[in-house]
Protein backbone atom coordinates (compact mmCIF):
# COMPACT_ATOMS: atom_id res chain seq x y z
CA MET A 1 5.00 10.97 -9.23
CA ALA A 2 8.17 12.42 -10.67
CA CYS A 3 8.95 16.11 -10.99
CA GLY A 4 11.94 18.34 -11.54
CA GLU A 5 13.97 18.77 -14.70
CA LEU A 6 11.27 17.15 -16.84
CA SER A 7 10.58 20.09 -19.15
CA ASN A 8 11.88 18.02 -22.08
CA PRO A 9 8.88 16.00 -23.31
CA SER A 10 11.06 13.07 -24.38
CA LYS A 11 12.64 12.84 -20.95
CA ALA A 12 9.23 12.97 -19.26
CA ALA A 13 7.90 10.28 -21.61
CA ASN A 14 10.87 8.03 -20.87
CA VAL A 15 10.22 8.27 -17.13
CA LEU A 16 6.69 7.00 -17.78
CA LYS A 17 7.72 4.32 -20.31
CA GLN A 18 10.35 2.93 -17.94
CA ASN A 19 7.74 2.72 -15.15
CA GLN A 20 9.79 5.05 -12.96
CA ALA A 21 6.61 6.99 -12.17
CA ASP A 22 2.89 6.94 -12.88
CA PHE A 23 2.68 10.71 -13.31
CA VAL A 24 5.10 13.50 -14.19
CA GLY A 25 4.84 17.08 -12.97
CA ILE A 26 5.81 19.85 -15.35
CA ALA A 27 5.05 22.98 -13.33
CA ARG A 28 7.53 25.42 -14.91
CA GLN A 29 6.84 24.01 -18.36
CA ALA A 30 3.11 24.51 -17.82
CA LEU A 31 3.66 28.11 -16.72
CA ALA A 32 5.66 28.83 -19.87
CA ASN A 33 3.32 26.81 -22.09
CA PRO A 34 -0.17 26.31 -20.64
CA ASN A 35 -0.98 24.23 -23.73
CA THR A 36 2.06 21.93 -23.43
CA PRO A 37 0.29 18.65 -24.29
CA ASN A 38 -1.24 20.10 -27.46
CA ARG A 39 2.04 21.68 -28.58
CA VAL A 40 3.97 18.45 -28.01
CA GLN A 41 1.32 16.44 -29.87
CA ARG A 42 1.52 18.82 -32.85
CA GLY A 43 5.34 18.91 -32.77
CA GLU A 44 5.42 22.64 -32.04
CA PRO A 45 8.37 24.19 -30.18
CA LEU A 46 7.97 25.01 -26.52
CA ASN A 47 8.74 28.38 -24.97
CA LYS A 48 11.51 28.42 -22.39
CA PHE A 49 10.55 29.31 -18.84
CA ASP A 50 11.36 32.95 -18.07
CA GLY A 51 10.76 33.35 -14.37
CA LYS A 52 11.16 37.11 -14.39
CA ALA A 53 8.65 37.62 -17.20
CA ILE A 54 6.15 35.12 -15.83
CA MET A 55 6.42 35.62 -12.08
CA THR A 56 6.84 39.41 -11.86
CA PRO A 57 3.57 41.09 -10.89
CA GLN A 58 2.07 43.46 -13.42
CA ALA A 59 0.61 46.64 -11.99
CA TYR A 60 -2.16 48.17 -14.03
CA VAL A 61 -2.82 51.61 -12.58
CA LYS A 62 -5.33 53.92 -14.16
CA ASP A 63 -4.58 57.64 -14.42
CA PHE A 64 -7.43 58.59 -12.10
CA GLU A 65 -6.05 56.24 -9.43
CA LEU A 66 -2.76 58.15 -9.43
CA GLU A 67 -4.64 61.39 -8.81
CA MET A 68 -6.18 60.08 -5.57
């Protein structure tokens, strides 16, 4: 399995075609684009990984909870 710096679909495909790995891991790419395989297949652009936007917790506090 290969992982790291494989967010470019062409680069990931080349790793597989050249038998450098049987699988590729695209963790950050999958976080930015959960539908990566479909987007690549349709030729759609991929969103860049934005760690701050994706990994920052979102607090949803209701008004009545603030009153407690």
